Amino acid sequence: MIGSLDASNFWKLHLRNYTYKPLKPLTNSVAQVEAVAEEYNFNSEIIADLRELCRNLKVSPKALFLSTYLDLIDTVMKENTVSVGIISNGRTERLSDPLGALGLFWNIVPFCQQIIEDKGEQIKNVQQSLVDIEPYTMYPLLQILSDQQTTELFFATFNFVHFHNTKNISEHTGLKFYQRRIHDKFNFPLNYAVSMEPLSGNISIRVEYDRMYFSCQDIRSMLGNYVEILKHIVNEFQRCLRW
């Protein structure tokens, strides 16, 4: 088990080259009551290309989508090093019974990464960083903030939802799973959730945002930019393979 001191030292090291710059609001007069959201569904051709890219790079889909999200945030912040909050549910592939554990394991931790020109290498770096931070994802965000002597480390969050074991469980036990859409009210200006359906294979993005910081046009433009970045990465990699 990872001790608090080890976790504290890890996060200090992880954030050593990062300085957060607060996002400036567009307005101070928005009365926010309900979450404002935009959604995007990938077509089957793009999904096939994305899966092939992950196989060739030997990375998880989460690493690909997260790396692209970092690129997107970089277009907003114009910084060489970017930090976003990633959602951790506390259940890993190394658990003997990941769906058998009961309890509230959710936490948000800062994910800090340098933006580089070689996107294939960046995606691999993101994959390795995901592995590196995994033992420390249950260290409380409030404690990380306290250790860093700050009140903010990111304005954007990323959640990757993929219950890929569901299909196997259904096949072996006869249990049936029904999808229901639920989400917590967001607490950050920008929140991306990428969902991969285990049965249909469909991939979708849900974006929740605060109108105090982003307009509807901003979000739609950013969402389109996110998809274009993904397509560009796929096209560049396919072009390299043809060489």
C-alpha atoms as a PDB file:
ATOM      1  CA  MET A   1       0.000   0.000   0.000  1.00  0.00           C
ATOM      2  CA  ILE A   2       1.249   3.471  -0.938  1.00  0.00           C
ATOM      3  CA  GLY A   3       1.787   5.742   2.068  1.00  0.00           C
ATOM      4  CA  SER A   4       0.688   9.382   2.232  1.00  0.00           C
ATOM      5  CA  LEU A   5       4.272  10.644   2.229  1.00  0.00           C
ATOM      6  CA  ASP A   6       5.120   8.617  -0.888  1.00  0.00           C
ATOM      7  CA  ALA A   7       1.982   9.893  -2.626  1.00  0.00           C
ATOM      8  CA  SER A   8       2.686  13.487  -1.626  1.00  0.00           C
ATOM      9  CA  ASN A   9       6.245  13.255  -2.942  1.00  0.00           C
ATOM     10  CA  PHE A  10       5.047  11.668  -6.173  1.00  0.00           C
ATOM     11  CA  TRP A  11       2.600  14.477  -6.942  1.00  0.00           C
ATOM     12  CA  LYS A  12       5.167  17.132  -6.091  1.00  0.00           C
ATOM     13  CA  LEU A  13       7.533  15.492  -8.579  1.00  0.00           C
ATOM     14  CA  HIS A  14       4.771  15.089 -11.167  1.00  0.00           C
ATOM     15  CA  LEU A  15       3.928  18.811 -11.001  1.00  0.00           C
ATOM     16  CA  ARG A  16       7.455  20.161 -10.550  1.00  0.00           C
ATOM     17  CA  ASN A  17       7.636  21.852 -13.980  1.00  0.00           C
ATOM     18  CA  TYR A  18       4.080  23.151 -14.021  1.00  0.00           C
ATOM     19  CA  THR A  19       2.644  26.518 -13.041  1.00  0.00           C
ATOM     20  CA  TYR A  20      -1.117  26.972 -13.284  1.00  0.00           C
ATOM     21  CA  LYS A  21      -2.445  30.094 -14.948  1.00  0.00           C
ATOM     22  CA  PRO A  22      -6.107  30.759 -14.073  1.00  0.00           C
ATOM     23  CA  LEU A  23      -8.632  30.841 -16.890  1.00  0.00           C
ATOM     24  CA  LYS A  24     -10.209  34.246 -17.330  1.00  0.00           C
ATOM     25  CA  PRO A  25     -14.033  34.312 -17.311  1.00  0.00           C
ATOM     26  CA  LEU A  26     -15.989  35.749 -20.213  1.00  0.00           C
ATOM     27  CA  THR A  27     -18.516  37.248 -17.842  1.00  0.00           C
ATOM     28  CA  ASN A  28     -19.424  37.354 -14.167  1.00  0.00           C
ATOM     29  CA  SER A  29     -23.168  37.600 -14.695  1.00  0.00           C
ATOM     30  CA  VAL A  30     -24.144  34.044 -15.706  1.00  0.00           C
ATOM     31  CA  ALA A  31     -26.612  32.393 -13.346  1.00  0.00           C
ATOM     32  CA  GLN A  32     -25.749  28.714 -13.833  1.00  0.00           C
ATOM     33  CA  VAL A  33     -28.387  26.223 -12.687  1.00  0.00           C
ATOM     34  CA  GLU A  34     -28.163  23.153 -14.916  1.00  0.00           C
ATOM     35  CA  ALA A  35     -25.167  21.696 -16.703  1.00  0.00           C
ATOM     36  CA  VAL A  36     -24.821  22.941 -20.273  1.00  0.00           C
ATOM     37  CA  ALA A  37     -23.670  20.224 -22.643  1.00  0.00           C
ATOM     38  CA  GLU A  38     -22.725  19.352 -26.216  1.00  0.00           C
ATOM     39  CA  GLU A  39     -22.324  15.837 -27.626  1.00  0.00           C
ATOM     40  CA  TYR A  40     -20.550  14.192 -30.542  1.00  0.00           C
ATOM     41  CA  ASN A  41     -20.805  10.622 -31.880  1.00  0.00           C
ATOM     42  CA  PHE A  42     -17.989   9.152 -33.943  1.00  0.00           C
ATOM     43  CA  ASN A  43     -18.833   7.302 -37.136  1.00  0.00           C
ATOM     44  CA  SER A  44     -17.784   3.687 -37.592  1.00  0.00           C
ATOM     45  CA  GLU A  45     -14.976   4.487 -40.062  1.00  0.00           C
ATOM     46  CA  ILE A  46     -13.236   6.858 -37.643  1.00  0.00           C
ATOM     47  CA  ILE A  47     -13.656   4.350 -34.794  1.00  0.00           C
ATOM     48  CA  ALA A  48     -11.974   1.623 -36.869  1.00  0.00           C
ATOM     49  CA  ASP A  49      -9.068   3.967 -37.696  1.00  0.00           C
ATOM     50  CA  LEU A  50      -8.659   4.986 -34.044  1.00  0.00           C
ATOM     51  CA  ARG A  51      -8.575   1.369 -32.885  1.00  0.00           C
ATOM     52  CA  GLU A  52      -5.984   0.509 -35.529  1.00  0.00           C
ATOM     53  CA  LEU A  53      -3.848   3.457 -34.425  1.00  0.00           C
ATOM     54  CA  CYS A  54      -3.958   2.278 -30.808  1.00  0.00           C
ATOM     55  CA  ARG A  55      -2.959  -1.242 -31.833  1.00  0.00           C
ATOM     56  CA  ASN A  56      -0.016   0.013 -33.885  1.00  0.00           C
ATOM     57  CA  LEU A  57       1.222   2.351 -31.146  1.00  0.00           C
ATOM     58  CA  LYS A  58       0.545  -0.308 -28.477  1.00  0.00           C
ATOM     59  CA  VAL A  59      -1.395   2.171 -26.336  1.00  0.00           C
ATOM     60  CA  SER A  60      -4.841   2.211 -24.789  1.00  0.00           C
ATOM     61  CA  PRO A  61      -7.685   4.249 -26.337  1.00  0.00           C
ATOM     62  CA  LYS A  62      -7.676   6.309 -23.136  1.00  0.00           C
ATOM     63  CA  ALA A  63      -4.101   7.442 -23.834  1.00  0.00           C
ATOM     64  CA  LEU A  64      -5.032   8.489 -27.370  1.00  0.00           C
ATOM     65  CA  PHE A  65      -8.123  10.474 -26.359  1.00  0.00           C
ATOM     66  CA  LEU A  66      -6.379  12.038 -23.358  1.00  0.00           C
ATOM     67  CA  SER A  67      -3.332  13.076 -25.379  1.00  0.00           C
ATOM     68  CA  THR A  68      -5.644  14.739 -27.901  1.00  0.00           C
ATOM     69  CA  TYR A  69      -7.443  16.509 -25.067  1.00  0.00           C
ATOM     70  CA  LEU A  70      -4.127  17.885 -23.850  1.00  0.00           C
ATOM     71  CA  ASP A  71      -3.490  19.205 -27.364  1.00  0.00           C
ATOM     72  CA  LEU A  72      -6.894  20.865 -27.288  1.00  0.00           C
ATOM     73  CA  ILE A  73      -6.231  22.530 -23.923  1.00  0.00           C
ATOM     74  CA  ASP A  74      -2.875  23.672 -25.288  1.00  0.00           C
ATOM     75  CA  THR A  75      -4.729  25.627 -27.995  1.00  0.00           C
ATOM     76  CA  VAL A  76      -6.521  27.505 -25.197  1.00  0.00           C
ATOM     77  CA  MET A  77      -3.627  28.037 -22.779  1.00  0.00           C
ATOM     78  CA  LYS A  78      -0.712  28.317 -25.259  1.00  0.00           C
ATOM     79  CA  GLU A  79       1.650  26.580 -22.809  1.00  0.00           C
ATOM     80  CA  ASN A  80       4.322  23.912 -23.370  1.00  0.00           C
ATOM     81  CA  THR A  81       3.165  21.966 -20.335  1.00  0.00           C
ATOM     82  CA  VAL A  82      -0.536  21.295 -19.772  1.00  0.00           C
ATOM     83  CA  SER A  83      -2.457  19.927 -16.796  1.00  0.00           C
ATOM     84  CA  VAL A  84      -5.992  18.534 -16.714  1.00  0.00           C
ATOM     85  CA  GLY A  85      -7.932  16.738 -14.025  1.00  0.00           C
ATOM     86  CA  ILE A  86      -8.508  13.067 -14.803  1.00  0.00           C
ATOM     87  CA  ILE A  87     -11.274  11.068 -13.178  1.00  0.00           C
ATOM     88  CA  SER A  88     -10.177   7.902 -11.403  1.00  0.00           C
ATOM     89  CA  ASN A  89     -12.635   5.282 -10.199  1.00  0.00           C
ATOM     90  CA  GLY A  90     -10.055   3.442  -8.113  1.00  0.00           C
ATOM     91  CA  ARG A  91     -10.529   0.112  -9.887  1.00  0.00           C
ATOM     92  CA  THR A  92      -7.630  -1.176 -11.958  1.00  0.00           C
ATOM     93  CA  GLU A  93      -7.070  -4.097 -14.283  1.00  0.00           C
ATOM     94  CA  ARG A  94      -4.817  -5.680 -11.677  1.00  0.00           C
ATOM     95  CA  LEU A  95      -7.664  -6.117  -9.206  1.00  0.00           C
ATOM     96  CA  SER A  96      -8.810  -9.735  -9.013  1.00  0.00           C
ATOM     97  CA  ASP A  97     -12.464  -8.678  -8.972  1.00  0.00           C
ATOM     98  CA  PRO A  98     -12.701  -5.051 -10.200  1.00  0.00           C
ATOM     99  CA  LEU A  99     -16.514  -5.065 -10.391  1.00  0.00           C
ATOM    100  CA  GLY A 100     -16.962  -6.860  -7.094  1.00  0.00           C
ATOM    101  CA  ALA A 101     -15.604  -4.080  -4.899  1.00  0.00           C
ATOM    102  CA  LEU A 102     -18.228  -1.817  -3.397  1.00  0.00           C
ATOM    103  CA  GLY A 103     -17.694   1.747  -2.265  1.00  0.00           C
ATOM    104  CA  LEU A 104     -17.115   5.311  -3.391  1.00  0.00           C
ATOM    105  CA  PHE A 105     -13.686   5.301  -5.032  1.00  0.00           C
ATOM    106  CA  TRP A 106     -13.980   8.335  -7.314  1.00  0.00           C
ATOM    107  CA  ASN A 107     -11.246  10.939  -7.215  1.00  0.00           C
ATOM    108  CA  ILE A 108      -9.822  13.621  -9.506  1.00  0.00           C
ATOM    109  CA  VAL A 109      -6.070  14.029  -9.847  1.00  0.00           C
ATOM    110  CA  PRO A 110      -3.942  16.386 -11.968  1.00  0.00           C
ATOM    111  CA  PHE A 111      -2.422  14.898 -15.097  1.00  0.00           C
ATOM    112  CA  CYS A 112       0.510  17.003 -16.265  1.00  0.00           C
ATOM    113  CA  GLN A 113       2.226  16.442 -19.612  1.00  0.00           C
ATOM    114  CA  GLN A 114       4.571  18.251 -21.965  1.00  0.00           C
ATOM    115  CA  ILE A 115       3.186  18.992 -25.427  1.00  0.00           C
ATOM    116  CA  ILE A 116       5.610  17.868 -28.158  1.00  0.00           C
ATOM    117  CA  GLU A 117       5.545  17.866 -31.951  1.00  0.00           C
ATOM    118  CA  ASP A 118       5.849  14.087 -32.356  1.00  0.00           C
ATOM    119  CA  LYS A 119       2.294  13.032 -31.512  1.00  0.00           C
ATOM    120  CA  GLY A 120       3.030   9.318 -31.644  1.00  0.00           C
ATOM    121  CA  GLU A 121       5.693   9.813 -28.982  1.00  0.00           C
ATOM    122  CA  GLN A 122       3.404  12.095 -26.978  1.00  0.00           C
ATOM    123  CA  ILE A 123       0.653   9.462 -26.924  1.00  0.00           C
ATOM    124  CA  LYS A 124       3.168   6.870 -25.696  1.00  0.00           C
ATOM    125  CA  ASN A 125       4.334   9.315 -23.007  1.00  0.00           C
ATOM    126  CA  VAL A 126       0.731   9.788 -21.897  1.00  0.00           C
ATOM    127  CA  GLN A 127       0.306   5.998 -21.748  1.00  0.00           C
ATOM    128  CA  GLN A 128       3.381   5.667 -19.535  1.00  0.00           C
ATOM    129  CA  SER A 129       2.268   8.535 -17.293  1.00  0.00           C
ATOM    130  CA  LEU A 130      -1.128   6.861 -16.818  1.00  0.00           C
ATOM    131  CA  VAL A 131       0.681   3.748 -15.627  1.00  0.00           C
ATOM    132  CA  ASP A 132       2.990   5.778 -13.371  1.00  0.00           C
ATOM    133  CA  ILE A 133       0.224   7.701 -11.594  1.00  0.00           C
ATOM    134  CA  GLU A 134      -2.098   4.734 -11.113  1.00  0.00           C
ATOM    135  CA  PRO A 135      -0.815   3.770  -7.627  1.00  0.00           C
ATOM    136  CA  TYR A 136      -1.327   7.357  -6.443  1.00  0.00           C
ATOM    137  CA  THR A 137      -4.765   8.174  -7.835  1.00  0.00           C
ATOM    138  CA  MET A 138      -6.530   7.853  -4.488  1.00  0.00           C
ATOM    139  CA  TYR A 139      -4.475  10.593  -2.847  1.00  0.00           C
ATOM    140  CA  PRO A 140      -7.084  13.333  -2.241  1.00  0.00           C
ATOM    141  CA  LEU A 141      -7.138  16.270  -4.629  1.00  0.00           C
ATOM    142  CA  LEU A 142      -7.574  18.694  -1.729  1.00  0.00           C
ATOM    143  CA  GLN A 143      -4.369  17.345  -0.207  1.00  0.00           C
ATOM    144  CA  ILE A 144      -2.503  17.678  -3.514  1.00  0.00           C
ATOM    145  CA  LEU A 145      -3.636  21.306  -3.692  1.00  0.00           C
ATOM    146  CA  SER A 146      -2.523  21.876  -0.115  1.00  0.00           C
ATOM    147  CA  ASP A 147       0.868  20.277  -0.767  1.00  0.00           C
ATOM    148  CA  GLN A 148       1.308  22.541  -3.811  1.00  0.00           C
ATOM    149  CA  GLN A 149       0.163  25.550  -1.749  1.00  0.00           C
ATOM    150  CA  THR A 150      -2.478  26.476  -4.303  1.00  0.00           C
ATOM    151  CA  THR A 151      -6.235  26.351  -4.742  1.00  0.00           C
ATOM    152  CA  GLU A 152      -6.246  25.378  -8.439  1.00  0.00           C
ATOM    153  CA  LEU A 153      -4.206  23.162 -10.720  1.00  0.00           C
ATOM    154  CA  PHE A 154      -6.486  22.839 -13.765  1.00  0.00           C
ATOM    155  CA  PHE A 155      -9.710  24.190 -15.238  1.00  0.00           C
ATOM    156  CA  ALA A 156     -10.549  21.180 -17.439  1.00  0.00           C
ATOM    157  CA  THR A 157     -11.356  17.567 -16.572  1.00  0.00           C
ATOM    158  CA  PHE A 158     -11.256  14.356 -18.597  1.00  0.00           C
ATOM    159  CA  ASN A 159     -13.230  11.196 -17.923  1.00  0.00           C
ATOM    160  CA  PHE A 160     -12.785   8.013 -19.953  1.00  0.00           C
ATOM    161  CA  VAL A 161     -15.710   5.642 -19.518  1.00  0.00           C
ATOM    162  CA  HIS A 162     -15.167   2.107 -20.783  1.00  0.00           C
ATOM    163  CA  PHE A 163     -16.558  -0.871 -18.869  1.00  0.00           C
ATOM    164  CA  HIS A 164     -14.914  -3.313 -21.259  1.00  0.00           C
ATOM    165  CA  ASN A 165     -15.396  -6.298 -18.937  1.00  0.00           C
ATOM    166  CA  THR A 166     -19.175  -5.976 -19.236  1.00  0.00           C
ATOM    167  CA  LYS A 167     -19.333  -8.025 -22.448  1.00  0.00           C
ATOM    168  CA  ASN A 168     -17.376 -10.923 -20.915  1.00  0.00           C
ATOM    169  CA  ILE A 169     -19.456 -10.890 -17.762  1.00  0.00           C
ATOM    170  CA  SER A 170     -22.642 -11.005 -19.825  1.00  0.00           C
ATOM    171  CA  GLU A 171     -21.357 -13.943 -21.892  1.00  0.00           C
ATOM    172  CA  HIS A 172     -20.227 -16.011 -18.902  1.00  0.00           C
ATOM    173  CA  THR A 173     -23.007 -15.293 -16.405  1.00  0.00           C
ATOM    174  CA  GLY A 174     -26.069 -14.560 -18.502  1.00  0.00           C
ATOM    175  CA  LEU A 175     -26.488 -11.214 -16.765  1.00  0.00           C
ATOM    176  CA  LYS A 176     -27.932  -8.393 -18.845  1.00  0.00           C
ATOM    177  CA  PHE A 177     -26.731  -4.822 -18.587  1.00  0.00           C
ATOM    178  CA  TYR A 178     -28.890  -1.840 -19.416  1.00  0.00           C
ATOM    179  CA  GLN A 179     -27.346   1.539 -20.077  1.00  0.00           C
ATOM    180  CA  ARG A 180     -28.605   4.533 -18.157  1.00  0.00           C
ATOM    181  CA  ARG A 181     -27.264   8.039 -18.594  1.00  0.00           C
ATOM    182  CA  ILE A 182     -26.221   9.612 -15.303  1.00  0.00           C
ATOM    183  CA  HIS A 183     -23.642  12.235 -14.463  1.00  0.00           C
ATOM    184  CA  ASP A 184     -22.587  14.451 -11.619  1.00  0.00           C
ATOM    185  CA  LYS A 185     -22.974  18.184 -11.885  1.00  0.00           C
ATOM    186  CA  PHE A 186     -19.646  19.557 -13.033  1.00  0.00           C
ATOM    187  CA  ASN A 187     -17.500  21.799 -10.845  1.00  0.00           C
ATOM    188  CA  PHE A 188     -14.941  22.906 -13.426  1.00  0.00           C
ATOM    189  CA  PRO A 189     -15.252  25.238 -16.433  1.00  0.00           C
ATOM    190  CA  LEU A 190     -14.661  22.479 -19.029  1.00  0.00           C
ATOM    191  CA  ASN A 191     -15.389  18.746 -18.742  1.00  0.00           C
ATOM    192  CA  TYR A 192     -14.919  16.091 -21.444  1.00  0.00           C
ATOM    193  CA  ALA A 193     -16.251  12.545 -21.034  1.00  0.00           C
ATOM    194  CA  VAL A 194     -15.325  10.001 -23.712  1.00  0.00           C
ATOM    195  CA  SER A 195     -17.491   6.861 -23.626  1.00  0.00           C
ATOM    196  CA  MET A 196     -16.744   3.561 -25.366  1.00  0.00           C
ATOM    197  CA  GLU A 197     -19.708   1.191 -25.424  1.00  0.00           C
ATOM    198  CA  PRO A 198     -18.524  -2.398 -24.759  1.00  0.00           C
ATOM    199  CA  LEU A 199     -21.346  -4.079 -26.690  1.00  0.00           C
ATOM    200  CA  SER A 200     -21.909  -1.807 -29.691  1.00  0.00           C
ATOM    201  CA  GLY A 201     -18.352  -0.470 -29.941  1.00  0.00           C
ATOM    202  CA  ASN A 202     -19.673   3.065 -30.397  1.00  0.00           C
ATOM    203  CA  ILE A 203     -17.632   6.036 -29.146  1.00  0.00           C
ATOM    204  CA  SER A 204     -19.115   9.356 -28.084  1.00  0.00           C
ATOM    205  CA  ILE A 205     -18.021  12.572 -26.374  1.00  0.00           C
ATOM    206  CA  ARG A 206     -20.078  14.578 -23.922  1.00  0.00           C
ATOM    207  CA  VAL A 207     -18.857  18.078 -23.104  1.00  0.00           C
ATOM    208  CA  GLU A 208     -20.176  19.947 -20.087  1.00  0.00           C
ATOM    209  CA  TYR A 209     -19.099  23.508 -19.588  1.00  0.00           C
ATOM    210  CA  ASP A 210     -19.612  26.684 -17.615  1.00  0.00           C
ATOM    211  CA  ARG A 211     -21.054  29.573 -19.605  1.00  0.00           C
ATOM    212  CA  MET A 212     -19.136  31.966 -17.404  1.00  0.00           C
ATOM    213  CA  TYR A 213     -15.983  30.835 -19.217  1.00  0.00           C
ATOM    214  CA  PHE A 214     -17.127  29.489 -22.597  1.00  0.00           C
ATOM    215  CA  SER A 215     -19.844  30.342 -25.084  1.00  0.00           C
ATOM    216  CA  CYS A 216     -21.792  27.719 -27.007  1.00  0.00           C
ATOM    217  CA  GLN A 217     -19.857  28.722 -30.132  1.00  0.00           C
ATOM    218  CA  ASP A 218     -16.554  28.276 -28.273  1.00  0.00           C
ATOM    219  CA  ILE A 219     -17.477  24.762 -27.195  1.00  0.00           C
ATOM    220  CA  ARG A 220     -18.703  23.661 -30.615  1.00  0.00           C
ATOM    221  CA  SER A 221     -15.553  25.038 -32.208  1.00  0.00           C
ATOM    222  CA  MET A 222     -13.364  23.269 -29.636  1.00  0.00           C
ATOM    223  CA  LEU A 223     -15.257  20.004 -30.088  1.00  0.00           C
ATOM    224  CA  GLY A 224     -14.795  20.220 -33.845  1.00  0.00           C
ATOM    225  CA  ASN A 225     -11.110  20.998 -33.291  1.00  0.00           C
ATOM    226  CA  TYR A 226     -10.767  17.970 -30.998  1.00  0.00           C
ATOM    227  CA  VAL A 227     -12.154  15.658 -33.681  1.00  0.00           C
ATOM    228  CA  GLU A 228      -9.938  17.251 -36.346  1.00  0.00           C
ATOM    229  CA  ILE A 229      -6.843  16.731 -34.184  1.00  0.00           C
ATOM    230  CA  LEU A 230      -7.737  13.042 -33.864  1.00  0.00           C
ATOM    231  CA  LYS A 231      -8.268  12.718 -37.621  1.00  0.00           C
ATOM    232  CA  HIS A 232      -4.977  14.489 -38.325  1.00  0.00           C
ATOM    233  CA  ILE A 233      -3.070  12.122 -36.024  1.00  0.00           C
ATOM    234  CA  VAL A 234      -4.656   9.103 -37.742  1.00  0.00           C
ATOM    235  CA  ASN A 235      -3.935  10.471 -41.234  1.00  0.00           C
ATOM    236  CA  GLU A 236      -0.319  11.317 -40.384  1.00  0.00           C
ATOM    237  CA  PHE A 237       0.279   7.868 -38.939  1.00  0.00           C
ATOM    238  CA  GLN A 238      -1.294   6.153 -41.960  1.00  0.00           C
ATOM    239  CA  ARG A 239       0.844   8.287 -44.260  1.00  0.00           C
ATOM    240  CA  CYS A 240       3.997   7.253 -42.380  1.00  0.00           C
ATOM    241  CA  LEU A 241       3.033   3.585 -42.705  1.00  0.00           C
ATOM    242  CA  ARG A 242       2.656   3.958 -46.481  1.00  0.00           C
ATOM    243  CA  TRP A 243       6.200   5.269 -46.679  1.00  0.00           C
END
